[in-house]
PDB file of all heavy atoms in Angstrom:
ATOM      1  N   PHE A   1     -42.468 -68.785  37.444  1.00  0.00           N
ATOM      2  CA  PHE A   1     -42.066 -69.114  38.807  1.00  0.00           C
ATOM      3  C   PHE A   1     -42.524 -68.049  39.802  1.00  0.00           C
ATOM      4  O   PHE A   1     -42.855 -68.363  40.936  1.00  0.00           O
ATOM      5  CB  PHE A   1     -40.547 -69.293  38.903  1.00  0.00           C
ATOM      6  CG  PHE A   1     -40.060 -70.560  38.277  1.00  0.00           C
ATOM      7  CD1 PHE A   1     -39.456 -70.555  37.029  1.00  0.00           C
ATOM      8  CD2 PHE A   1     -40.207 -71.771  38.929  1.00  0.00           C
ATOM      9  CE1 PHE A   1     -39.004 -71.727  36.448  1.00  0.00           C
ATOM     10  CE2 PHE A   1     -39.759 -72.957  38.362  1.00  0.00           C
ATOM     11  CZ  PHE A   1     -39.156 -72.936  37.113  1.00  0.00           C
ATOM     12  N   ASP A   2     -42.559 -66.780  39.375  1.00  0.00           N
ATOM     13  CA  ASP A   2     -42.993 -65.715  40.269  1.00  0.00           C
ATOM     14  C   ASP A   2     -44.449 -65.924  40.668  1.00  0.00           C
ATOM     15  O   ASP A   2     -44.816 -65.812  41.833  1.00  0.00           O
ATOM     16  CB  ASP A   2     -42.796 -64.349  39.617  1.00  0.00           C
ATOM     17  CG  ASP A   2     -43.125 -63.212  40.568  1.00  0.00           C
ATOM     18  OD1 ASP A   2     -42.725 -63.291  41.750  1.00  0.00           O
ATOM     19  OD2 ASP A   2     -43.791 -62.254  40.149  1.00  0.00           O
ATOM     20  N   GLU A   3     -45.265 -66.250  39.689  1.00  0.00           N
ATOM     21  CA  GLU A   3     -46.690 -66.483  39.964  1.00  0.00           C
ATOM     22  C   GLU A   3     -46.889 -67.773  40.757  1.00  0.00           C
ATOM     23  O   GLU A   3     -47.720 -67.857  41.654  1.00  0.00           O
ATOM     24  CB  GLU A   3     -47.466 -66.568  38.646  1.00  0.00           C
ATOM     25  CG  GLU A   3     -48.956 -66.706  38.818  1.00  0.00           C
ATOM     26  CD  GLU A   3     -49.672 -66.705  37.487  1.00  0.00           C
ATOM     27  OE1 GLU A   3     -49.520 -65.732  36.726  1.00  0.00           O
ATOM     28  OE2 GLU A   3     -50.367 -67.694  37.218  1.00  0.00           O
ATOM     29  N   LEU A   4     -46.094 -68.785  40.442  1.00  0.00           N
ATOM     30  CA  LEU A   4     -46.255 -70.102  41.063  1.00  0.00           C
ATOM     31  C   LEU A   4     -45.714 -70.166  42.491  1.00  0.00           C
ATOM     32  O   LEU A   4     -46.402 -70.622  43.407  1.00  0.00           O
ATOM     33  CB  LEU A   4     -45.557 -71.156  40.199  1.00  0.00           C
ATOM     34  CG  LEU A   4     -45.757 -72.608  40.566  1.00  0.00           C
ATOM     35  CD1 LEU A   4     -47.205 -73.011  40.328  1.00  0.00           C
ATOM     36  CD2 LEU A   4     -44.838 -73.495  39.748  1.00  0.00           C
ATOM     37  N   ILE A   5     -44.473 -69.679  42.707  1.00  0.00           N
ATOM     38  CA  ILE A   5     -43.845 -69.805  44.030  1.00  0.00           C
ATOM     39  C   ILE A   5     -43.220 -68.503  44.528  1.00  0.00           C
ATOM     40  O   ILE A   5     -42.510 -68.491  45.527  1.00  0.00           O
ATOM     41  CB  ILE A   5     -42.770 -70.916  44.048  1.00  0.00           C
ATOM     42  CG1 ILE A   5     -41.672 -70.642  43.008  1.00  0.00           C
ATOM     43  CG2 ILE A   5     -43.388 -72.280  43.855  1.00  0.00           C
ATOM     44  CD1 ILE A   5     -40.500 -71.601  43.068  1.00  0.00           C
ATOM     45  N   GLY A   6     -43.456 -67.401  43.832  1.00  0.00           N
ATOM     46  CA  GLY A   6     -42.932 -66.110  44.276  1.00  0.00           C
ATOM     47  C   GLY A   6     -41.441 -65.955  44.084  1.00  0.00           C
ATOM     48  O   GLY A   6     -40.790 -65.224  44.820  1.00  0.00           O
ATOM     49  N   LYS A   7     -40.875 -66.656  43.093  1.00  0.00           N
ATOM     50  CA  LYS A   7     -39.442 -66.561  42.819  1.00  0.00           C
ATOM     51  C   LYS A   7     -39.218 -66.255  41.339  1.00  0.00           C
ATOM     52  O   LYS A   7     -40.095 -66.439  40.517  1.00  0.00           O
ATOM     53  CB  LYS A   7     -38.732 -67.857  43.210  1.00  0.00           C
ATOM     54  CG  LYS A   7     -38.748 -68.125  44.701  1.00  0.00           C
ATOM     55  CD  LYS A   7     -37.826 -69.253  45.084  1.00  0.00           C
ATOM     56  CE  LYS A   7     -37.754 -69.363  46.593  1.00  0.00           C
ATOM     57  NZ  LYS A   7     -36.568 -70.089  47.026  1.00  0.00           N
ATOM     58  N   THR A   8     -37.999 -65.816  41.011  1.00  0.00           N
ATOM     59  CA  THR A   8     -37.657 -65.417  39.653  1.00  0.00           C
ATOM     60  C   THR A   8     -36.605 -66.363  39.077  1.00  0.00           C
ATOM     61  O   THR A   8     -35.608 -66.675  39.745  1.00  0.00           O
ATOM     62  CB  THR A   8     -37.093 -63.984  39.647  1.00  0.00           C
ATOM     63  OG1 THR A   8     -38.073 -63.119  40.221  1.00  0.00           O
ATOM     64  CG2 THR A   8     -36.764 -63.516  38.244  1.00  0.00           C
ATOM     65  N   LEU A   9     -36.801 -66.768  37.829  1.00  0.00           N
ATOM     66  CA  LEU A   9     -35.819 -67.591  37.126  1.00  0.00           C
ATOM     67  C   LEU A   9     -34.612 -66.721  36.794  1.00  0.00           C
ATOM     68  O   LEU A   9     -34.737 -65.702  36.126  1.00  0.00           O
ATOM     69  CB  LEU A   9     -36.441 -68.157  35.840  1.00  0.00           C
ATOM     70  CG  LEU A   9     -35.556 -69.008  34.939  1.00  0.00           C
ATOM     71  CD1 LEU A   9     -35.125 -70.293  35.664  1.00  0.00           C
ATOM     72  CD2 LEU A   9     -36.283 -69.351  33.657  1.00  0.00           C
ATOM     73  N   VAL A  10     -33.425 -67.110  37.301  1.00  0.00           N
ATOM     74  CA  VAL A  10     -32.217 -66.299  37.079  1.00  0.00           C
ATOM     75  C   VAL A  10     -31.158 -67.005  36.249  1.00  0.00           C
ATOM     76  O   VAL A  10     -30.240 -66.360  35.744  1.00  0.00           O
ATOM     77  CB  VAL A  10     -31.582 -65.826  38.411  1.00  0.00           C
ATOM     78  CG1 VAL A  10     -32.504 -64.869  39.142  1.00  0.00           C
ATOM     79  CG2 VAL A  10     -31.195 -66.998  39.289  1.00  0.00           C
ATOM     80  N   CYS A  11     -31.264 -68.317  36.111  1.00  0.00           N
ATOM     81  CA  CYS A  11     -30.251 -69.048  35.367  1.00  0.00           C
ATOM     82  C   CYS A  11     -30.855 -70.335  34.827  1.00  0.00           C
ATOM     83  O   CYS A  11     -31.678 -70.960  35.484  1.00  0.00           O
ATOM     84  CB  CYS A  11     -29.068 -69.373  36.277  1.00  0.00           C
ATOM     85  SG  CYS A  11     -27.748 -70.295  35.466  1.00  0.00           S
ATOM     86  N   ALA A  12     -30.454 -70.700  33.625  1.00  0.00           N
ATOM     87  CA  ALA A  12     -30.909 -71.960  33.040  1.00  0.00           C
ATOM     88  C   ALA A  12     -29.745 -72.609  32.300  1.00  0.00           C
ATOM     89  O   ALA A  12     -28.966 -71.932  31.632  1.00  0.00           O
ATOM     90  CB  ALA A  12     -32.061 -71.716  32.072  1.00  0.00           C
ATOM     91  N   LEU A  13     -29.632 -73.909  32.458  1.00  0.00           N
ATOM     92  CA  LEU A  13     -28.626 -74.699  31.765  1.00  0.00           C
ATOM     93  C   LEU A  13     -29.331 -75.847  31.072  1.00  0.00           C
ATOM     94  O   LEU A  13     -30.323 -76.361  31.575  1.00  0.00           O
ATOM     95  CB  LEU A  13     -27.593 -75.260  32.743  1.00  0.00           C
ATOM     96  CG  LEU A  13     -26.849 -74.245  33.600  1.00  0.00           C
ATOM     97  CD1 LEU A  13     -26.098 -74.954  34.714  1.00  0.00           C
ATOM     98  CD2 LEU A  13     -25.888 -73.446  32.755  1.00  0.00           C
ATOM     99  N   ALA A  14     -28.823 -76.262  29.930  1.00  0.00           N
ATOM    100  CA  ALA A  14     -29.419 -77.377  29.197  1.00  0.00           C
ATOM    101  C   ALA A  14     -28.321 -78.306  28.714  1.00  0.00           C
ATOM    102  O   ALA A  14     -27.218 -77.866  28.391  1.00  0.00           O
ATOM    103  CB  ALA A  14     -30.220 -76.861  28.002  1.00  0.00           C
ATOM    104  N   GLN A  15     -28.655 -79.584  28.693  1.00  0.00           N
ATOM    105  CA  GLN A  15     -27.717 -80.587  28.191  1.00  0.00           C
ATOM    106  C   GLN A  15     -28.511 -81.687  27.515  1.00  0.00           C
ATOM    107  O   GLN A  15     -29.516 -82.152  28.039  1.00  0.00           O
ATOM    108  CB  GLN A  15     -26.887 -81.175  29.332  1.00  0.00           C
ATOM    109  CG  GLN A  15     -25.900 -82.217  28.857  1.00  0.00           C
ATOM    110  CD  GLN A  15     -25.015 -82.704  29.985  1.00  0.00           C
ATOM    111  OE1 GLN A  15     -24.860 -82.065  31.001  1.00  0.00           O
ATOM    112  NE2 GLN A  15     -24.429 -83.869  29.790  1.00  0.00           N
ATOM    113  N   THR A  16     -28.042 -82.102  26.346  1.00  0.00           N
ATOM    114  CA  THR A  16     -28.701 -83.219  25.678  1.00  0.00           C
ATOM    115  C   THR A  16     -28.355 -84.509  26.409  1.00  0.00           C
ATOM    116  O   THR A  16     -27.319 -84.604  27.053  1.00  0.00           O
ATOM    117  CB  THR A  16     -28.272 -83.330  24.194  1.00  0.00           C
ATOM    118  OG1 THR A  16     -26.850 -83.381  24.132  1.00  0.00           O
ATOM    119  CG2 THR A  16     -28.797 -82.174  23.369  1.00  0.00           C
ATOM    120  N   LYS A  17     -29.252 -85.482  26.298  1.00  0.00           N
ATOM    121  CA  LYS A  17     -28.994 -86.783  26.919  1.00  0.00           C
ATOM    122  C   LYS A  17     -27.821 -87.441  26.212  1.00  0.00           C
ATOM    123  O   LYS A  17     -27.533 -87.157  25.047  1.00  0.00           O
ATOM    124  CB  LYS A  17     -30.237 -87.676  26.814  1.00  0.00           C
ATOM    125  CG  LYS A  17     -31.432 -87.138  27.542  1.00  0.00           C
ATOM    126  CD  LYS A  17     -31.231 -87.286  29.021  1.00  0.00           C
ATOM    127  CE  LYS A  17     -32.528 -87.015  29.743  1.00  0.00           C
ATOM    128  NZ  LYS A  17     -32.471 -87.365  31.118  1.00  0.00           N
ATOM    129  N   SER A  18     -27.146 -88.341  26.871  1.00  0.00           N
ATOM    130  CA  SER A  18     -25.919 -88.940  26.343  1.00  0.00           C
ATOM    131  C   SER A  18     -26.127 -89.729  25.053  1.00  0.00           C
ATOM    132  O   SER A  18     -25.192 -89.923  24.293  1.00  0.00           O
ATOM    133  CB  SER A  18     -25.279 -89.835  27.402  1.00  0.00           C
ATOM    134  OG  SER A  18     -26.172 -90.873  27.751  1.00  0.00           O
ATOM    135  N   THR A  19     -27.351 -90.168  24.784  1.00  0.00           N
ATOM    136  CA  THR A  19     -27.592 -90.943  23.563  1.00  0.00           C
ATOM    137  C   THR A  19     -27.862 -90.057  22.352  1.00  0.00           C
ATOM    138  O   THR A  19     -28.028 -90.550  21.253  1.00  0.00           O
ATOM    139  CB  THR A  19     -28.790 -91.891  23.751  1.00  0.00           C
ATOM    140  OG1 THR A  19     -29.937 -91.105  24.101  1.00  0.00           O
ATOM    141  CG2 THR A  19     -28.502 -92.918  24.822  1.00  0.00           C
ATOM    142  N   SER A  20     -27.892 -88.756  22.542  1.00  0.00           N
ATOM    143  CA  SER A  20     -28.207 -87.839  21.455  1.00  0.00           C
ATOM    144  C   SER A  20     -27.015 -87.655  20.518  1.00  0.00           C
ATOM    145  O   SER A  20     -25.866 -87.702  20.935  1.00  0.00           O
ATOM    146  CB  SER A  20     -28.610 -86.478  22.022  1.00  0.00           C
ATOM    147  OG  SER A  20     -28.879 -85.576  20.971  1.00  0.00           O
ATOM    148  N   ALA A  21     -27.316 -87.435  19.248  1.00  0.00           N
ATOM    149  CA  ALA A  21     -26.280 -87.157  18.253  1.00  0.00           C
ATOM    150  C   ALA A  21     -26.050 -85.651  18.129  1.00  0.00           C
ATOM    151  O   ALA A  21     -25.451 -85.192  17.177  1.00  0.00           O
ATOM    152  CB  ALA A  21     -26.695 -87.725  16.910  1.00  0.00           C
ATOM    153  N   ALA A  22     -26.552 -84.892  19.098  1.00  0.00           N
ATOM    154  CA  ALA A  22     -26.437 -83.441  19.061  1.00  0.00           C
ATOM    155  C   ALA A  22     -25.917 -82.918  20.393  1.00  0.00           C
ATOM    156  O   ALA A  22     -25.975 -83.611  21.405  1.00  0.00           O
ATOM    157  CB  ALA A  22     -27.799 -82.832  18.759  1.00  0.00           C
ATOM    158  N   VAL A  23     -25.399 -81.697  20.385  1.00  0.00           N
ATOM    159  CA  VAL A  23     -24.907 -81.051  21.595  1.00  0.00           C
ATOM    160  C   VAL A  23     -25.495 -79.656  21.726  1.00  0.00           C
ATOM    161  O   VAL A  23     -25.727 -78.976  20.730  1.00  0.00           O
ATOM    162  CB  VAL A  23     -23.359 -80.962  21.621  1.00  0.00           C
ATOM    163  CG1 VAL A  23     -22.727 -82.329  21.687  1.00  0.00           C
ATOM    164  CG2 VAL A  23     -22.837 -80.208  20.418  1.00  0.00           C
ATOM    165  N   VAL A  24     -25.736 -79.235  22.961  1.00  0.00           N
ATOM    166  CA  VAL A  24     -26.215 -77.878  23.220  1.00  0.00           C
ATOM    167  C   VAL A  24     -25.031 -76.934  23.095  1.00  0.00           C
ATOM    168  O   VAL A  24     -23.969 -77.175  23.667  1.00  0.00           O
ATOM    169  CB  VAL A  24     -26.848 -77.775  24.626  1.00  0.00           C
ATOM    170  CG1 VAL A  24     -27.135 -76.330  24.988  1.00  0.00           C
ATOM    171  CG2 VAL A  24     -28.118 -78.611  24.690  1.00  0.00           C
ATOM    172  N   THR A  25     -25.212 -75.861  22.323  1.00  0.00           N
ATOM    173  CA  THR A  25     -24.139 -74.885  22.152  1.00  0.00           C
ATOM    174  C   THR A  25     -24.395 -73.603  22.934  1.00  0.00           C
ATOM    175  O   THR A  25     -23.458 -72.860  23.218  1.00  0.00           O
ATOM    176  CB  THR A  25     -23.939 -74.545  20.664  1.00  0.00           C
ATOM    177  OG1 THR A  25     -25.178 -74.091  20.113  1.00  0.00           O
ATOM    178  CG2 THR A  25     -23.461 -75.775  19.896  1.00  0.00           C
ATOM    179  N   SER A  26     -25.661 -73.321  23.280  1.00  0.00           N
ATOM    180  CA  SER A  26     -25.961 -72.161  24.127  1.00  0.00           C
ATOM    181  C   SER A  26     -27.348 -72.316  24.741  1.00  0.00           C
ATOM    182  O   SER A  26     -28.188 -73.060  24.233  1.00  0.00           O
ATOM    183  CB  SER A  26     -25.867 -70.846  23.351  1.00  0.00           C
ATOM    184  OG  SER A  26     -26.940 -70.726  22.440  1.00  0.00           O
ATOM    185  N   CYS A  27     -27.537 -71.601  25.831  1.00  0.00           N
ATOM    186  CA  CYS A  27     -28.805 -71.642  26.545  1.00  0.00           C
ATOM    187  C   CYS A  27     -28.966 -70.305  27.248  1.00  0.00           C
ATOM    188  O   CYS A  27     -28.043 -69.861  27.929  1.00  0.00           O
ATOM    189  CB  CYS A  27     -28.786 -72.797  27.549  1.00  0.00           C
ATOM    190  SG  CYS A  27     -30.265 -72.950  28.547  1.00  0.00           S
ATOM    191  N   ARG A  28     -30.132 -69.651  27.058  1.00  0.00           N
ATOM    192  CA  ARG A  28     -30.345 -68.368  27.731  1.00  0.00           C
ATOM    193  C   ARG A  28     -31.821 -68.186  28.041  1.00  0.00           C
ATOM    194  O   ARG A  28     -32.684 -68.770  27.387  1.00  0.00           O
ATOM    195  CB  ARG A  28     -29.819 -67.203  26.901  1.00  0.00           C
ATOM    196  CG  ARG A  28     -30.636 -66.893  25.678  1.00  0.00           C
ATOM    197  CD  ARG A  28     -30.087 -65.690  24.913  1.00  0.00           C
ATOM    198  NE  ARG A  28     -31.003 -65.273  23.887  1.00  0.00           N
ATOM    199  CZ  ARG A  28     -31.942 -64.351  24.038  1.00  0.00           C
ATOM    200  NH1 ARG A  28     -32.084 -63.727  25.180  1.00  0.00           N
ATOM    201  NH2 ARG A  28     -32.750 -64.033  23.050  1.00  0.00           N
ATOM    202  N   ILE A  29     -32.086 -67.357  29.034  1.00  0.00           N
ATOM    203  CA  ILE A  29     -33.461 -67.035  29.407  1.00  0.00           C
ATOM    204  C   ILE A  29     -33.939 -65.928  28.487  1.00  0.00           C
ATOM    205  O   ILE A  29     -33.279 -64.910  28.321  1.00  0.00           O
ATOM    206  CB  ILE A  29     -33.531 -66.578  30.876  1.00  0.00           C
ATOM    207  CG1 ILE A  29     -33.037 -67.687  31.795  1.00  0.00           C
ATOM    208  CG2 ILE A  29     -34.947 -66.161  31.240  1.00  0.00           C
ATOM    209  CD1 ILE A  29     -32.809 -67.254  33.222  1.00  0.00           C
ATOM    210  N   ALA A  30     -35.110 -66.140  27.879  1.00  0.00           N
ATOM    211  CA  ALA A  30     -35.716 -65.143  26.993  1.00  0.00           C
ATOM    212  C   ALA A  30     -37.162 -64.939  27.416  1.00  0.00           C
ATOM    213  O   ALA A  30     -38.035 -65.696  27.020  1.00  0.00           O
ATOM    214  CB  ALA A  30     -35.641 -65.603  25.544  1.00  0.00           C
ATOM    215  N   SER A  31     -37.422 -63.969  28.253  1.00  0.00           N
ATOM    216  CA  SER A  31     -38.722 -63.658  28.874  1.00  0.00           C
ATOM    217  C   SER A  31     -39.347 -64.913  29.485  1.00  0.00           C
ATOM    218  O   SER A  31     -38.855 -65.403  30.475  1.00  0.00           O
ATOM    219  CB  SER A  31     -39.644 -62.923  27.898  1.00  0.00           C
ATOM    220  OG  SER A  31     -40.012 -63.748  26.821  1.00  0.00           O
ATOM    221  N   SER A  32     -40.407 -65.463  28.910  1.00  0.00           N
ATOM    222  CA  SER A  32     -41.096 -66.608  29.529  1.00  0.00           C
ATOM    223  C   SER A  32     -40.658 -67.949  28.942  1.00  0.00           C
ATOM    224  O   SER A  32     -41.352 -68.941  29.058  1.00  0.00           O
ATOM    225  CB  SER A  32     -42.603 -66.446  29.369  1.00  0.00           C
ATOM    226  OG  SER A  32     -42.943 -66.502  27.999  1.00  0.00           O
ATOM    227  N   SER A  33     -39.497 -67.959  28.304  1.00  0.00           N
ATOM    228  CA  SER A  33     -39.006 -69.212  27.737  1.00  0.00           C
ATOM    229  C   SER A  33     -37.488 -69.307  27.900  1.00  0.00           C
ATOM    230  O   SER A  33     -36.829 -68.351  28.278  1.00  0.00           O
ATOM    231  CB  SER A  33     -39.383 -69.312  26.252  1.00  0.00           C
ATOM    232  OG  SER A  33     -38.699 -68.338  25.500  1.00  0.00           O
ATOM    233  N   ILE A  34     -36.976 -70.491  27.627  1.00  0.00           N
ATOM    234  CA  ILE A  34     -35.537 -70.711  27.616  1.00  0.00           C
ATOM    235  C   ILE A  34     -35.152 -71.012  26.177  1.00  0.00           C
ATOM    236  O   ILE A  34     -35.706 -71.922  25.563  1.00  0.00           O
ATOM    237  CB  ILE A  34     -35.150 -71.879  28.549  1.00  0.00           C
ATOM    238  CG1 ILE A  34     -35.546 -71.553  29.986  1.00  0.00           C
ATOM    239  CG2 ILE A  34     -33.662 -72.174  28.441  1.00  0.00           C
ATOM    240  CD1 ILE A  34     -35.394 -72.708  30.944  1.00  0.00           C
ATOM    241  N   GLU A  35     -34.248 -70.213  25.621  1.00  0.00           N
ATOM    242  CA  GLU A  35     -33.797 -70.399  24.241  1.00  0.00           C
ATOM    243  C   GLU A  35     -32.574 -71.303  24.244  1.00  0.00           C
ATOM    244  O   GLU A  35     -31.587 -71.014  24.907  1.00  0.00           O
ATOM    245  CB  GLU A  35     -33.455 -69.058  23.617  1.00  0.00           C
ATOM    246  CG  GLU A  35     -33.020 -69.167  22.179  1.00  0.00           C
ATOM    247  CD  GLU A  35     -32.599 -67.824  21.627  1.00  0.00           C
ATOM    248  OE1 GLU A  35     -33.485 -67.051  21.229  1.00  0.00           O
ATOM    249  OE2 GLU A  35     -31.387 -67.547  21.629  1.00  0.00           O
ATOM    250  N   VAL A  36     -32.676 -72.411  23.518  1.00  0.00           N
ATOM    251  CA  VAL A  36     -31.587 -73.377  23.460  1.00  0.00           C
ATOM    252  C   VAL A  36     -31.125 -73.518  22.013  1.00  0.00           C
ATOM    253  O   VAL A  36     -31.941 -73.650  21.105  1.00  0.00           O
ATOM    254  CB  VAL A  36     -32.032 -74.754  24.003  1.00  0.00           C
ATOM    255  CG1 VAL A  36     -30.890 -75.750  23.956  1.00  0.00           C
ATOM    256  CG2 VAL A  36     -32.570 -74.618  25.418  1.00  0.00           C
TER     257      VAL A  36
END
């Protein structure tokens, strides 16, 4: 985002779609990726 629009990723949230048989238990920013 810094290179693209000059901003920094500060928070990320994830949620599985309602039809999924799974649930997200944690989500965090890990350098250039989001760990879910």
